[in-house]
Amino acid sequence: MSVSPDRDLQAQATDDTVAKLPRHVAFIMDGNGRWATARGLPRTEGHRQGLETLRKIIRHAGKVGVEVVTIYSFSSENWSRPETEVSFLMGLLRRFVQRDLSELHEANVRIRIIGGRKDLDKGILTLLQEAEELTRDNSGLELVVAFNYGSRDEIVRAAQALSEKVAAGEMRPEDVTESAIAGALDTSGLPDPDLIIRTSGEMRLSNFLLWQAAYSEFYFCDQLWPDFDEAAFDQALDCFGARERRYGGLSAKTF
């Protein structure tokens, strides 16, 4: 889909007073393991159910008119989990792409992958690239999958890329502006998330979209991700719609 570059914050604030629906919603899908443990099931079953929830939420996001959905599917820190769990998650990713890619493509969804790609398993990397390539020209909902993603790593990689350009004489130090840094991030060209939702009662970003979340609204709920349904999503959207976004300024009510 065609997504315009980041807009001036003041213009964006004006737009948001007219349209209360967030353009971009990002999800930290937390609580799969705890959901399974509470039911006496293996953690892998929680991840399986979490994938079913994801399918529902993607469909609902497109239905209500959200333009971009970003999911924190696998962080760069998740590799430290037990090998059996990591192996299951990789298999789940493969099955998701193999089973859902054609449906997403038919629904005009465009898939974009963010995160480090160096040293990724070639099979996984090829799978991700194929998903991006197949849906590249789609113009509907944009599904951004944060895989092997860590925001600090993303910012470091952006800084290194800009440093190399300065060293090569392609940029001056004073050209390293906020806009230049944003353009070197994995999310270049995407609008910053208007709303970040985290399930399971945890209230932190966990190294997710640290730069992009500068003016995001946050919504934390106690539901574990497998229990998060369309009604819960609508409740989060309603909460977002009731908020007044100032972007560091003052509202008219203040005067």
Protein backbone atom coordinates (compact mmCIF):
# COMPACT_ATOMS: atom_id res chain seq x y z
CA MET A 1 0.00 0.00 0.00
CA SER A 2 1.11 3.57 -0.45
CA VAL A 3 1.97 5.18 2.88
CA SER A 4 3.05 8.80 2.97
CA PRO A 5 6.21 9.84 4.84
CA ASP A 6 6.00 11.18 8.38
CA ARG A 7 3.98 14.35 8.48
CA ASP A 8 4.57 17.51 10.41
CA LEU A 9 3.42 16.88 13.99
CA GLN A 10 1.11 19.87 14.06
CA ALA A 11 -0.59 18.81 10.84
CA GLN A 12 -0.85 15.28 12.18
CA ALA A 13 -2.48 16.54 15.37
CA THR A 14 -5.03 18.45 13.30
CA ASP A 15 -5.79 15.35 11.26
CA ASP A 16 -6.30 13.31 14.42
CA THR A 17 -8.96 15.68 15.73
CA VAL A 18 -10.98 14.82 12.63
CA ALA A 19 -10.24 11.10 12.40
CA LYS A 20 -10.29 9.29 15.73
CA LEU A 21 -9.35 5.95 14.22
CA PRO A 22 -5.60 5.29 14.44
CA ARG A 23 -3.85 4.87 11.11
CA HIS A 24 -1.22 2.60 12.60
CA VAL A 25 -1.72 0.16 15.48
CA ALA A 26 1.19 -1.84 16.89
CA PHE A 27 0.79 -4.93 19.06
CA ILE A 28 2.99 -6.48 21.74
CA MET A 29 1.28 -9.87 21.83
CA ASP A 30 2.12 -10.95 25.35
CA GLY A 31 0.87 -13.80 27.50
CA ASN A 32 0.81 -16.87 25.27
CA GLY A 33 2.92 -18.97 27.62
CA ARG A 34 1.02 -17.91 30.73
CA TRP A 35 -2.30 -18.64 28.99
CA ALA A 36 -1.17 -22.19 28.34
CA THR A 37 0.37 -22.73 31.78
CA ALA A 38 -2.83 -21.58 33.49
CA ARG A 39 -4.67 -24.34 31.61
CA GLY A 40 -2.12 -27.04 32.27
CA LEU A 41 -1.03 -27.02 28.64
CA PRO A 42 2.46 -26.80 27.12
CA ARG A 43 3.63 -23.27 26.28
CA THR A 44 3.60 -24.17 22.61
CA GLU A 45 -0.18 -24.49 22.72
CA GLY A 46 -0.35 -20.88 23.91
CA HIS A 47 1.64 -19.78 20.87
CA ARG A 48 -0.66 -21.81 18.63
CA GLN A 49 -3.74 -20.14 20.10
CA GLY A 50 -2.01 -16.78 19.88
CA LEU A 51 -1.68 -17.26 16.14
CA GLU A 52 -5.42 -17.85 15.88
CA THR A 53 -5.97 -14.56 17.71
CA LEU A 54 -3.61 -12.80 15.33
CA ARG A 55 -5.61 -13.99 12.34
CA LYS A 56 -8.81 -12.55 13.85
CA ILE A 57 -7.19 -9.23 14.73
CA ILE A 58 -5.67 -8.73 11.27
CA ARG A 59 -9.05 -9.33 9.64
CA HIS A 60 -10.79 -6.99 12.08
CA ALA A 61 -8.20 -4.25 11.63
CA GLY A 62 -8.80 -4.27 7.89
CA LYS A 63 -12.56 -4.29 8.44
CA VAL A 64 -12.61 -1.21 10.68
CA GLY A 65 -10.20 0.76 8.47
CA VAL A 66 -6.83 0.65 10.21
CA GLU A 67 -4.15 1.22 7.56
CA VAL A 68 -1.07 -0.33 9.21
CA VAL A 69 -0.71 -3.10 11.80
CA THR A 70 2.69 -3.91 13.27
CA ILE A 71 3.16 -7.08 15.30
CA TYR A 72 6.08 -7.90 17.59
CA SER A 73 6.34 -11.49 16.41
CA PHE A 74 9.85 -12.45 17.57
CA SER A 75 12.35 -10.21 19.30
CA SER A 76 16.10 -10.42 18.99
CA GLU A 77 16.12 -11.41 22.69
CA ASN A 78 13.73 -14.34 22.13
CA TRP A 79 16.60 -16.50 20.82
CA SER A 80 17.56 -17.04 24.47
CA ARG A 81 14.37 -19.01 25.12
CA PRO A 82 14.54 -22.82 25.36
CA GLU A 83 15.62 -24.36 22.07
CA THR A 84 12.45 -26.44 21.80
CA GLU A 85 10.26 -23.33 22.12
CA VAL A 86 12.32 -21.38 19.58
CA SER A 87 12.13 -24.31 17.17
CA PHE A 88 8.35 -24.46 17.59
CA LEU A 89 8.02 -20.73 16.98
CA MET A 90 10.06 -20.99 13.79
CA GLY A 91 7.81 -23.82 12.64
CA LEU A 92 4.76 -21.76 13.52
CA LEU A 93 6.10 -18.90 11.42
CA ARG A 94 6.60 -21.24 8.47
CA ARG A 95 3.07 -22.61 8.81
CA PHE A 96 1.61 -19.10 9.12
CA VAL A 97 3.25 -17.97 5.90
CA GLN A 98 2.45 -21.18 4.04
CA ARG A 99 -1.17 -21.27 5.21
CA ASP A 100 -2.08 -17.59 5.37
CA LEU A 101 0.04 -15.89 2.71
CA SER A 102 -2.32 -16.64 -0.19
CA GLU A 103 -5.33 -15.49 1.86
CA LEU A 104 -3.57 -12.28 2.88
CA HIS A 105 -2.54 -11.68 -0.72
CA GLU A 106 -6.11 -12.18 -1.94
CA ALA A 107 -7.28 -9.73 0.74
CA ASN A 108 -4.90 -7.12 -0.75
CA VAL A 109 -2.69 -7.10 2.38
CA ARG A 110 0.88 -5.94 1.93
CA ILE A 111 3.48 -7.62 4.15
CA ARG A 112 6.64 -5.89 5.31
CA ILE A 113 9.32 -7.40 7.53
CA ILE A 114 11.42 -5.33 9.93
CA GLY A 115 14.34 -6.51 12.05
CA GLY A 116 17.88 -7.71 11.57
CA ARG A 117 18.39 -10.17 8.73
CA LYS A 118 22.07 -10.92 9.17
CA ASP A 119 22.77 -14.52 10.21
CA LEU A 120 19.12 -15.56 9.85
CA ASP A 121 18.46 -19.14 8.77
CA LYS A 122 18.39 -19.12 4.97
CA GLY A 123 15.08 -20.97 4.89
CA ILE A 124 13.39 -18.43 7.16
CA LEU A 125 14.96 -15.51 5.29
CA THR A 126 13.75 -16.84 1.94
CA LEU A 127 10.25 -17.32 3.37
CA LEU A 128 10.10 -13.74 4.60
CA GLN A 129 11.43 -12.34 1.35
CA GLU A 130 8.90 -14.31 -0.66
CA ALA A 131 6.05 -12.96 1.48
CA GLU A 132 7.23 -9.39 0.90
CA GLU A 133 7.76 -9.89 -2.81
CA LEU A 134 4.38 -11.55 -3.45
CA THR A 135 2.45 -8.76 -1.72
CA ARG A 136 4.66 -5.83 -2.70
CA ASP A 137 2.10 -4.20 -5.00
CA ASN A 138 -0.94 -4.70 -2.76
CA SER A 139 -2.70 -1.53 -1.63
CA GLY A 140 -4.80 -2.60 1.36
CA LEU A 141 -3.82 -3.09 4.99
CA GLU A 142 -0.07 -3.08 5.56
CA LEU A 143 1.03 -5.86 7.92
CA VAL A 144 4.45 -5.12 9.40
CA VAL A 145 6.06 -8.15 11.01
CA ALA A 146 8.82 -7.36 13.51
CA PHE A 147 10.94 -10.50 13.35
CA ASN A 148 14.37 -10.86 14.97
CA TYR A 149 13.66 -7.27 15.94
CA GLY A 150 15.09 -5.11 18.70
CA SER A 151 14.66 -1.36 18.62
CA ARG A 152 18.09 -0.57 20.04
CA ASP A 153 19.66 -2.79 17.39
CA GLU A 154 17.59 -1.02 14.72
CA ILE A 155 18.80 2.39 15.91
CA VAL A 156 22.43 1.19 16.04
CA ARG A 157 22.18 -0.15 12.49
CA ALA A 158 20.70 3.17 11.32
CA ALA A 159 23.47 5.13 13.05
CA GLN A 160 26.12 2.91 11.48
CA ALA A 161 24.63 3.35 8.01
CA LEU A 162 24.58 7.14 8.35
CA SER A 163 28.11 7.15 9.83
CA GLU A 164 29.37 5.25 6.81
CA LYS A 165 27.83 7.87 4.51
CA VAL A 166 29.46 10.68 6.47
CA ALA A 167 32.83 8.89 6.37
CA ALA A 168 32.48 8.43 2.62
CA GLY A 169 31.70 12.12 2.13
CA GLU A 170 28.15 11.41 0.98
CA MET A 171 26.70 13.32 3.94
CA ARG A 172 27.85 16.08 6.26
CA PRO A 173 27.53 15.57 10.04
CA GLU A 174 24.93 18.33 10.15
CA ASP A 175 22.84 16.36 7.65
CA VAL A 176 22.24 13.67 10.28
CA THR A 177 18.86 15.05 11.31
CA GLU A 178 15.79 13.44 12.88
CA SER A 179 14.42 12.96 9.38
CA ALA A 180 17.65 11.29 8.20
CA ILE A 181 17.66 8.92 11.16
CA ALA A 182 13.98 8.05 10.64
CA GLY A 183 14.75 7.37 6.99
CA ALA A 184 17.51 4.93 7.94
CA LEU A 185 15.31 2.90 10.30
CA ASP A 186 13.60 -0.34 9.28
CA THR A 187 10.26 1.51 9.36
CA SER A 188 11.29 4.16 6.83
CA GLY A 189 8.25 5.40 4.92
CA LEU A 190 5.75 4.16 7.48
CA PRO A 191 3.73 6.46 9.74
CA ASP A 192 4.69 6.21 13.39
CA PRO A 193 2.29 4.06 15.43
CA ASP A 194 -0.65 6.05 16.75
CA LEU A 195 -1.57 3.33 19.21
CA ILE A 196 0.54 0.60 20.83
CA ILE A 197 -1.40 -2.20 22.52
CA ARG A 198 0.18 -4.61 24.98
CA THR A 199 -1.71 -7.51 26.48
CA SER A 200 -1.19 -9.55 29.69
CA GLY A 201 -0.96 -6.66 32.16
CA GLU A 202 2.69 -5.83 31.47
CA MET A 203 3.38 -2.10 31.09
CA ARG A 204 6.61 -1.68 29.16
CA LEU A 205 7.81 -1.49 25.55
CA SER A 206 10.40 -4.27 25.80
CA ASN A 207 12.71 -2.77 23.17
CA PHE A 208 9.88 -2.28 20.64
CA LEU A 209 9.68 0.78 18.36
CA LEU A 210 11.47 3.05 20.83
CA TRP A 211 12.14 5.83 18.30
CA GLN A 212 8.77 5.53 16.58
CA ALA A 213 6.78 5.54 19.83
CA ALA A 214 7.76 9.11 20.77
CA TYR A 215 4.15 10.34 20.45
CA SER A 216 2.24 7.05 20.44
CA GLU A 217 -0.71 6.42 22.72
CA PHE A 218 -0.38 3.30 24.90
CA TYR A 219 -3.07 0.83 25.83
CA PHE A 220 -2.37 -1.90 28.38
CA CYS A 221 -4.89 -4.58 29.22
CA ASP A 222 -4.90 -7.59 31.52
CA GLN A 223 -6.15 -10.06 28.91
CA LEU A 224 -3.59 -12.59 27.76
CA TRP A 225 -3.04 -12.46 24.02
CA PRO A 226 -4.98 -15.66 23.16
CA ASP A 227 -8.03 -14.12 24.91
CA PHE A 228 -7.75 -10.77 23.08
CA ASP A 229 -10.62 -10.71 20.59
CA GLU A 230 -12.41 -8.27 18.29
CA ALA A 231 -14.43 -6.79 21.15
CA ALA A 232 -11.25 -6.15 23.13
CA PHE A 233 -9.70 -4.51 20.07
CA ASP A 234 -12.77 -2.28 19.65
CA GLN A 235 -12.49 -1.29 23.31
CA ALA A 236 -8.87 -0.24 22.75
CA LEU A 237 -9.88 1.74 19.67
CA ASP A 238 -12.67 3.46 21.61
CA CYS A 239 -10.19 4.37 24.35
CA PHE A 240 -7.84 5.82 21.74
CA GLY A 241 -10.69 7.82 20.19
CA ALA A 242 -11.51 9.43 23.54
CA ARG A 243 -7.98 10.72 24.05
CA GLU A 244 -6.71 14.15 23.10
CA ARG A 245 -3.35 14.06 21.38
CA ARG A 246 -1.24 17.21 21.83
CA TYR A 247 2.24 16.24 20.56
CA GLY A 248 3.86 18.41 23.22
CA GLY A 249 1.56 21.38 22.62
CA LEU A 250 -1.51 22.70 24.40
CA SER A 251 -5.10 22.02 23.51
CA ALA A 252 -7.60 24.75 22.83
CA LYS A 253 -9.26 23.88 26.18
CA THR A 254 -6.12 25.04 27.99
CA PHE A 255 -6.46 28.65 26.86
